[in-house]
Amino acid sequence: MRPVAHAALQLLHAPELRRVKRCAGCPWLFLDASRNGSRRWCSMTDCGTHAKIQRYVTKRAASRGRPRTG
């Protein structure tokens, strides 16, 4: 546990702290290393894919004039 606490202390004093974000799809924190600081998910293969699928299903249902179910 000591290395984890040490790493957390280093992060709190690092300039990268403003790049630590909470994932939009889960409670995890991640370091946004994208060039423009716009990353929203901890992992594209997990939370990002799920969010994109949900957006697609909602958009498709709206274009058909039906309310989204599920």
PDB file of N, CA and C in Angstrom:
ATOM      1  N   MET A   1       0.826  -1.193   0.000  1.00  0.00           N
ATOM      2  CA  MET A   1       0.000   0.000   0.000  1.00  0.00           C
ATOM      3  C   MET A   1       0.868   1.254   0.000  1.00  0.00           C
ATOM      4  N   ARG A   2       2.042   1.152   0.521  1.00  0.00           N
ATOM      5  CA  ARG A   2       2.922   2.309   0.602  1.00  0.00           C
ATOM      6  C   ARG A   2       3.260   2.902  -0.765  1.00  0.00           C
ATOM      7  N   PRO A   3       3.581   2.087  -1.789  1.00  0.00           N
ATOM      8  CA  PRO A   3       3.854   2.663  -3.115  1.00  0.00           C
ATOM      9  C   PRO A   3       2.641   3.383  -3.703  1.00  0.00           C
ATOM     10  N   VAL A   4       1.452   2.880  -3.418  1.00  0.00           N
ATOM     11  CA  VAL A   4       0.237   3.513  -3.933  1.00  0.00           C
ATOM     12  C   VAL A   4       0.048   4.885  -3.287  1.00  0.00           C
ATOM     13  N   ALA A   5       0.246   4.959  -1.986  1.00  0.00           N
ATOM     14  CA  ALA A   5       0.118   6.239  -1.283  1.00  0.00           C
ATOM     15  C   ALA A   5       1.159   7.232  -1.776  1.00  0.00           C
ATOM     16  N   HIS A   6       2.366   6.756  -1.998  1.00  0.00           N
ATOM     17  CA  HIS A   6       3.433   7.625  -2.508  1.00  0.00           C
ATOM     18  C   HIS A   6       3.083   8.145  -3.906  1.00  0.00           C
ATOM     19  N   ALA A   7       2.578   7.282  -4.758  1.00  0.00           N
ATOM     20  CA  ALA A   7       2.192   7.691  -6.113  1.00  0.00           C
ATOM     21  C   ALA A   7       1.040   8.698  -6.060  1.00  0.00           C
ATOM     22  N   ALA A   8       0.101   8.496  -5.150  1.00  0.00           N
ATOM     23  CA  ALA A   8      -1.021   9.428  -5.013  1.00  0.00           C
ATOM     24  C   ALA A   8      -0.530  10.800  -4.565  1.00  0.00           C
ATOM     25  N   LEU A   9       0.405  10.833  -3.637  1.00  0.00           N
ATOM     26  CA  LEU A   9       0.977  12.106  -3.187  1.00  0.00           C
ATOM     27  C   LEU A   9       1.705  12.816  -4.315  1.00  0.00           C
ATOM     28  N   GLN A  10       2.458  12.071  -5.094  1.00  0.00           N
ATOM     29  CA  GLN A  10       3.165  12.667  -6.232  1.00  0.00           C
ATOM     30  C   GLN A  10       2.171  13.258  -7.231  1.00  0.00           C
ATOM     31  N   LEU A  11       1.102  12.551  -7.478  1.00  0.00           N
ATOM     32  CA  LEU A  11       0.101  13.028  -8.429  1.00  0.00           C
ATOM     33  C   LEU A  11      -0.573  14.311  -7.946  1.00  0.00           C
ATOM     34  N   LEU A  12      -0.845  14.390  -6.645  1.00  0.00           N
ATOM     35  CA  LEU A  12      -1.494  15.583  -6.094  1.00  0.00           C
ATOM     36  C   LEU A  12      -0.649  16.841  -6.260  1.00  0.00           C
ATOM     37  N   HIS A  13       0.655  16.675  -6.368  1.00  0.00           N
ATOM     38  CA  HIS A  13       1.554  17.818  -6.515  1.00  0.00           C
ATOM     39  C   HIS A  13       2.059  17.993  -7.945  1.00  0.00           C
ATOM     40  N   ALA A  14       1.562  17.193  -8.846  1.00  0.00           N
ATOM     41  CA  ALA A  14       2.029  17.238 -10.235  1.00  0.00           C
ATOM     42  C   ALA A  14       1.180  18.200 -11.062  1.00  0.00           C
ATOM     43  N   PRO A  15       1.778  18.806 -12.079  1.00  0.00           N
ATOM     44  CA  PRO A  15       1.000  19.684 -12.953  1.00  0.00           C
ATOM     45  C   PRO A  15      -0.067  18.925 -13.750  1.00  0.00           C
ATOM     46  N   GLU A  16       0.064  17.613 -13.848  1.00  0.00           N
ATOM     47  CA  GLU A  16      -0.895  16.803 -14.593  1.00  0.00           C
ATOM     48  C   GLU A  16      -2.207  16.603 -13.840  1.00  0.00           C
ATOM     49  N   LEU A  17      -2.296  17.105 -12.606  1.00  0.00           N
ATOM     50  CA  LEU A  17      -3.501  16.896 -11.810  1.00  0.00           C
ATOM     51  C   LEU A  17      -4.746  17.392 -12.539  1.00  0.00           C
ATOM     52  N   ARG A  18      -4.630  18.464 -13.291  1.00  0.00           N
ATOM     53  CA  ARG A  18      -5.790  18.978 -14.023  1.00  0.00           C
ATOM     54  C   ARG A  18      -6.232  18.015 -15.118  1.00  0.00           C
ATOM     55  N   ARG A  19      -5.384  17.064 -15.455  1.00  0.00           N
ATOM     56  CA  ARG A  19      -5.721  16.072 -16.484  1.00  0.00           C
ATOM     57  C   ARG A  19      -6.336  14.804 -15.900  1.00  0.00           C
ATOM     58  N   VAL A  20      -6.436  14.721 -14.581  1.00  0.00           N
ATOM     59  CA  VAL A  20      -7.093  13.573 -13.958  1.00  0.00           C
ATOM     60  C   VAL A  20      -8.590  13.828 -14.014  1.00  0.00           C
ATOM     61  N   LYS A  21      -9.317  12.896 -14.607  1.00  0.00           N
ATOM     62  CA  LYS A  21     -10.755  13.058 -14.812  1.00  0.00           C
ATOM     63  C   LYS A  21     -11.501  11.817 -14.361  1.00  0.00           C
ATOM     64  N   ARG A  22     -12.796  11.993 -14.144  1.00  0.00           N
ATOM     65  CA  ARG A  22     -13.665  10.863 -13.832  1.00  0.00           C
ATOM     66  C   ARG A  22     -14.300  10.390 -15.128  1.00  0.00           C
ATOM     67  N   CYS A  23     -14.304   9.092 -15.318  1.00  0.00           N
ATOM     68  CA  CYS A  23     -14.884   8.496 -16.520  1.00  0.00           C
ATOM     69  C   CYS A  23     -16.378   8.799 -16.590  1.00  0.00           C
ATOM     70  N   ALA A  24     -16.870   9.098 -17.794  1.00  0.00           N
ATOM     71  CA  ALA A  24     -18.294   9.378 -17.998  1.00  0.00           C
ATOM     72  C   ALA A  24     -19.138   8.109 -17.945  1.00  0.00           C
ATOM     73  N   GLY A  25     -18.496   6.939 -17.995  1.00  0.00           N
ATOM     74  CA  GLY A  25     -19.249   5.694 -18.026  1.00  0.00           C
ATOM     75  C   GLY A  25     -19.149   4.839 -16.782  1.00  0.00           C
ATOM     76  N   CYS A  26     -18.241   5.185 -15.868  1.00  0.00           N
ATOM     77  CA  CYS A  26     -18.056   4.402 -14.652  1.00  0.00           C
ATOM     78  C   CYS A  26     -17.401   5.291 -13.588  1.00  0.00           C
ATOM     79  N   PRO A  27     -17.233   4.797 -12.376  1.00  0.00           N
ATOM     80  CA  PRO A  27     -16.651   5.638 -11.321  1.00  0.00           C
ATOM     81  C   PRO A  27     -15.120   5.746 -11.337  1.00  0.00           C
ATOM     82  N   TRP A  28     -14.447   5.157 -12.289  1.00  0.00           N
ATOM     83  CA  TRP A  28     -12.983   5.183 -12.338  1.00  0.00           C
ATOM     84  C   TRP A  28     -12.442   6.571 -12.671  1.00  0.00           C
ATOM     85  N   LEU A  29     -11.225   6.819 -12.214  1.00  0.00           N
ATOM     86  CA  LEU A  29     -10.478   8.019 -12.588  1.00  0.00           C
ATOM     87  C   LEU A  29      -9.439   7.612 -13.616  1.00  0.00           C
ATOM     88  N   PHE A  30      -9.066   8.542 -14.484  1.00  0.00           N
ATOM     89  CA  PHE A  30      -8.028   8.259 -15.466  1.00  0.00           C
ATOM     90  C   PHE A  30      -7.253   9.527 -15.754  1.00  0.00           C
ATOM     91  N   LEU A  31      -6.070   9.361 -16.306  1.00  0.00           N
ATOM     92  CA  LEU A  31      -5.239  10.487 -16.704  1.00  0.00           C
ATOM     93  C   LEU A  31      -5.472  10.743 -18.182  1.00  0.00           C
ATOM     94  N   ASP A  32      -6.004  11.910 -18.502  1.00  0.00           N
ATOM     95  CA  ASP A  32      -6.288  12.276 -19.887  1.00  0.00           C
ATOM     96  C   ASP A  32      -4.993  12.720 -20.552  1.00  0.00           C
ATOM     97  N   ALA A  33      -4.434  11.853 -21.372  1.00  0.00           N
ATOM     98  CA  ALA A  33      -3.183  12.156 -22.068  1.00  0.00           C
ATOM     99  C   ALA A  33      -3.430  12.586 -23.511  1.00  0.00           C
ATOM    100  N   SER A  34      -4.695  12.859 -23.852  1.00  0.00           N
ATOM    101  CA  SER A  34      -4.983  13.299 -25.217  1.00  0.00           C
ATOM    102  C   SER A  34      -4.401  14.687 -25.444  1.00  0.00           C
ATOM    103  N   ARG A  35      -4.124  15.004 -26.672  1.00  0.00           N
ATOM    104  CA  ARG A  35      -3.476  16.269 -27.012  1.00  0.00           C
ATOM    105  C   ARG A  35      -4.299  17.482 -26.575  1.00  0.00           C
ATOM    106  N   ASN A  36      -5.612  17.430 -26.801  1.00  0.00           N
ATOM    107  CA  ASN A  36      -6.441  18.594 -26.475  1.00  0.00           C
ATOM    108  C   ASN A  36      -7.231  18.446 -25.172  1.00  0.00           C
ATOM    109  N   GLY A  37      -6.995  17.371 -24.432  1.00  0.00           N
ATOM    110  CA  GLY A  37      -7.646  17.200 -23.133  1.00  0.00           C
ATOM    111  C   GLY A  37      -9.127  16.906 -23.200  1.00  0.00           C
ATOM    112  N   SER A  38      -9.571  16.219 -24.247  1.00  0.00           N
ATOM    113  CA  SER A  38     -11.005  15.995 -24.442  1.00  0.00           C
ATOM    114  C   SER A  38     -11.458  14.558 -24.182  1.00  0.00           C
ATOM    115  N   ARG A  39     -10.583  13.723 -23.691  1.00  0.00           N
ATOM    116  CA  ARG A  39     -10.958  12.331 -23.453  1.00  0.00           C
ATOM    117  C   ARG A  39     -12.042  12.258 -22.382  1.00  0.00           C
ATOM    118  N   ARG A  40     -13.028  11.351 -22.575  1.00  0.00           N
ATOM    119  CA  ARG A  40     -14.156  11.253 -21.650  1.00  0.00           C
ATOM    120  C   ARG A  40     -14.258   9.913 -20.938  1.00  0.00           C
ATOM    121  N   TRP A  41     -13.586   8.900 -21.449  1.00  0.00           N
ATOM    122  CA  TRP A  41     -13.743   7.560 -20.892  1.00  0.00           C
ATOM    123  C   TRP A  41     -12.412   6.975 -20.453  1.00  0.00           C
ATOM    124  N   CYS A  42     -12.477   6.087 -19.460  1.00  0.00           N
ATOM    125  CA  CYS A  42     -11.268   5.423 -18.982  1.00  0.00           C
ATOM    126  C   CYS A  42     -10.726   4.485 -20.055  1.00  0.00           C
ATOM    127  N   SER A  43     -11.627   3.870 -20.801  1.00  0.00           N
ATOM    128  CA  SER A  43     -11.233   2.920 -21.833  1.00  0.00           C
ATOM    129  C   SER A  43     -12.224   2.981 -22.989  1.00  0.00           C
ATOM    130  N   MET A  44     -11.720   3.142 -24.174  1.00  0.00           N
ATOM    131  CA  MET A  44     -12.593   3.179 -25.342  1.00  0.00           C
ATOM    132  C   MET A  44     -13.250   1.820 -25.567  1.00  0.00           C
ATOM    133  N   THR A  45     -12.542   0.737 -25.247  1.00  0.00           N
ATOM    134  CA  THR A  45     -13.092  -0.598 -25.492  1.00  0.00           C
ATOM    135  C   THR A  45     -14.213  -0.953 -24.531  1.00  0.00           C
ATOM    136  N   ASP A  46     -14.292  -0.293 -23.394  1.00  0.00           N
ATOM    137  CA  ASP A  46     -15.354  -0.589 -22.431  1.00  0.00           C
ATOM    138  C   ASP A  46     -16.380   0.545 -22.393  1.00  0.00           C
ATOM    139  N   CYS A  47     -16.087   1.570 -21.661  1.00  0.00           N
ATOM    140  CA  CYS A  47     -17.044   2.672 -21.455  1.00  0.00           C
ATOM    141  C   CYS A  47     -17.315   3.457 -22.733  1.00  0.00           C
ATOM    142  N   GLY A  48     -16.312   3.696 -23.539  1.00  0.00           N
ATOM    143  CA  GLY A  48     -16.493   4.459 -24.771  1.00  0.00           C
ATOM    144  C   GLY A  48     -17.384   3.747 -25.764  1.00  0.00           C
ATOM    145  N   THR A  49     -17.158   2.469 -25.952  1.00  0.00           N
ATOM    146  CA  THR A  49     -17.974   1.690 -26.877  1.00  0.00           C
ATOM    147  C   THR A  49     -19.418   1.636 -26.396  1.00  0.00           C
ATOM    148  N   HIS A  50     -19.614   1.424 -25.113  1.00  0.00           N
ATOM    149  CA  HIS A  50     -20.968   1.370 -24.559  1.00  0.00           C
ATOM    150  C   HIS A  50     -21.699   2.694 -24.793  1.00  0.00           C
ATOM    151  N   ALA A  51     -21.036   3.808 -24.557  1.00  0.00           N
ATOM    152  CA  ALA A  51     -21.659   5.125 -24.749  1.00  0.00           C
ATOM    153  C   ALA A  51     -22.000   5.363 -26.216  1.00  0.00           C
ATOM    154  N   LYS A  52     -21.123   4.969 -27.108  1.00  0.00           N
ATOM    155  CA  LYS A  52     -21.380   5.169 -28.535  1.00  0.00           C
ATOM    156  C   LYS A  52     -22.535   4.295 -29.027  1.00  0.00           C
ATOM    157  N   ILE A  53     -22.627   3.076 -28.513  1.00  0.00           N
ATOM    158  CA  ILE A  53     -23.742   2.198 -28.884  1.00  0.00           C
ATOM    159  C   ILE A  53     -25.058   2.793 -28.398  1.00  0.00           C
ATOM    160  N   GLN A  54     -25.083   3.273 -27.163  1.00  0.00           N
ATOM    161  CA  GLN A  54     -26.296   3.885 -26.622  1.00  0.00           C
ATOM    162  C   GLN A  54     -26.711   5.103 -27.441  1.00  0.00           C
ATOM    163  N   ARG A  55     -25.754   5.924 -27.828  1.00  0.00           N
ATOM    164  CA  ARG A  55     -26.052   7.115 -28.634  1.00  0.00           C
ATOM    165  C   ARG A  55     -26.617   6.715 -29.996  1.00  0.00           C
ATOM    166  N   TYR A  56     -26.053   5.675 -30.608  1.00  0.00           N
ATOM    167  CA  TYR A  56     -26.523   5.193 -31.905  1.00  0.00           C
ATOM    168  C   TYR A  56     -27.953   4.668 -31.809  1.00  0.00           C
ATOM    169  N   VAL A  57     -28.232   3.862 -30.797  1.00  0.00           N
ATOM    170  CA  VAL A  57     -29.566   3.285 -30.632  1.00  0.00           C
ATOM    171  C   VAL A  57     -30.600   4.391 -30.416  1.00  0.00           C
ATOM    172  N   THR A  58     -30.258   5.375 -29.594  1.00  0.00           N
ATOM    173  CA  THR A  58     -31.169   6.494 -29.341  1.00  0.00           C
ATOM    174  C   THR A  58     -31.426   7.287 -30.612  1.00  0.00           C
ATOM    175  N   LYS A  59     -30.378   7.576 -31.350  1.00  0.00           N
ATOM    176  CA  LYS A  59     -30.505   8.345 -32.595  1.00  0.00           C
ATOM    177  C   LYS A  59     -31.334   7.576 -33.626  1.00  0.00           C
ATOM    178  N   ARG A  60     -31.101   6.284 -33.727  1.00  0.00           N
ATOM    179  CA  ARG A  60     -31.833   5.457 -34.689  1.00  0.00           C
ATOM    180  C   ARG A  60     -33.317   5.383 -34.339  1.00  0.00           C
ATOM    181  N   ALA A  61     -33.628   5.222 -33.058  1.00  0.00           N
ATOM    182  CA  ALA A  61     -35.025   5.166 -32.629  1.00  0.00           C
ATOM    183  C   ALA A  61     -35.719   6.502 -32.889  1.00  0.00           C
ATOM    184  N   ALA A  62     -35.019   7.603 -32.669  1.00  0.00           N
ATOM    185  CA  ALA A  62     -35.605   8.926 -32.899  1.00  0.00           C
ATOM    186  C   ALA A  62     -35.876   9.152 -34.384  1.00  0.00           C
ATOM    187  N   SER A  63     -35.004   8.658 -35.230  1.00  0.00           N
ATOM    188  CA  SER A  63     -35.194   8.852 -36.670  1.00  0.00           C
ATOM    189  C   SER A  63     -36.358   8.020 -37.201  1.00  0.00           C
ATOM    190  N   ARG A  64     -36.706   6.976 -36.495  1.00  0.00           N
ATOM    191  CA  ARG A  64     -37.849   6.143 -36.888  1.00  0.00           C
ATOM    192  C   ARG A  64     -39.145   6.629 -36.259  1.00  0.00           C
ATOM    193  N   GLY A  65     -39.054   7.633 -35.401  1.00  0.00           N
ATOM    194  CA  GLY A  65     -40.244   8.190 -34.779  1.00  0.00           C
ATOM    195  C   GLY A  65     -40.794   7.373 -33.634  1.00  0.00           C
ATOM    196  N   ARG A  66     -39.998   6.463 -33.105  1.00  0.00           N
ATOM    197  CA  ARG A  66     -40.438   5.650 -31.983  1.00  0.00           C
ATOM    198  C   ARG A  66     -39.632   6.011 -30.741  1.00  0.00           C
ATOM    199  N   PRO A  67     -40.268   5.945 -29.591  1.00  0.00           N
ATOM    200  CA  PRO A  67     -39.497   6.179 -28.365  1.00  0.00           C
ATOM    201  C   PRO A  67     -38.550   5.014 -28.118  1.00  0.00           C
ATOM    202  N   ARG A  68     -37.435   5.315 -27.537  1.00  0.00           N
ATOM    203  CA  ARG A  68     -36.425   4.295 -27.246  1.00  0.00           C
ATOM    204  C   ARG A  68     -36.880   3.457 -26.055  1.00  0.00           C
ATOM    205  N   THR A  69     -36.727   2.138 -26.166  1.00  0.00           N
ATOM    206  CA  THR A  69     -37.062   1.249 -25.052  1.00  0.00           C
ATOM    207  C   THR A  69     -35.803   0.572 -24.573  1.00  0.00           C
ATOM    208  N   GLY A  70     -35.764   0.245 -23.283  1.00  0.00           N
ATOM    209  CA  GLY A  70     -34.637  -0.504 -22.747  1.00  0.00           C
ATOM    210  C   GLY A  70     -33.673   0.335 -22.121  1.00  0.00           C
TER     211      GLY A  70
END
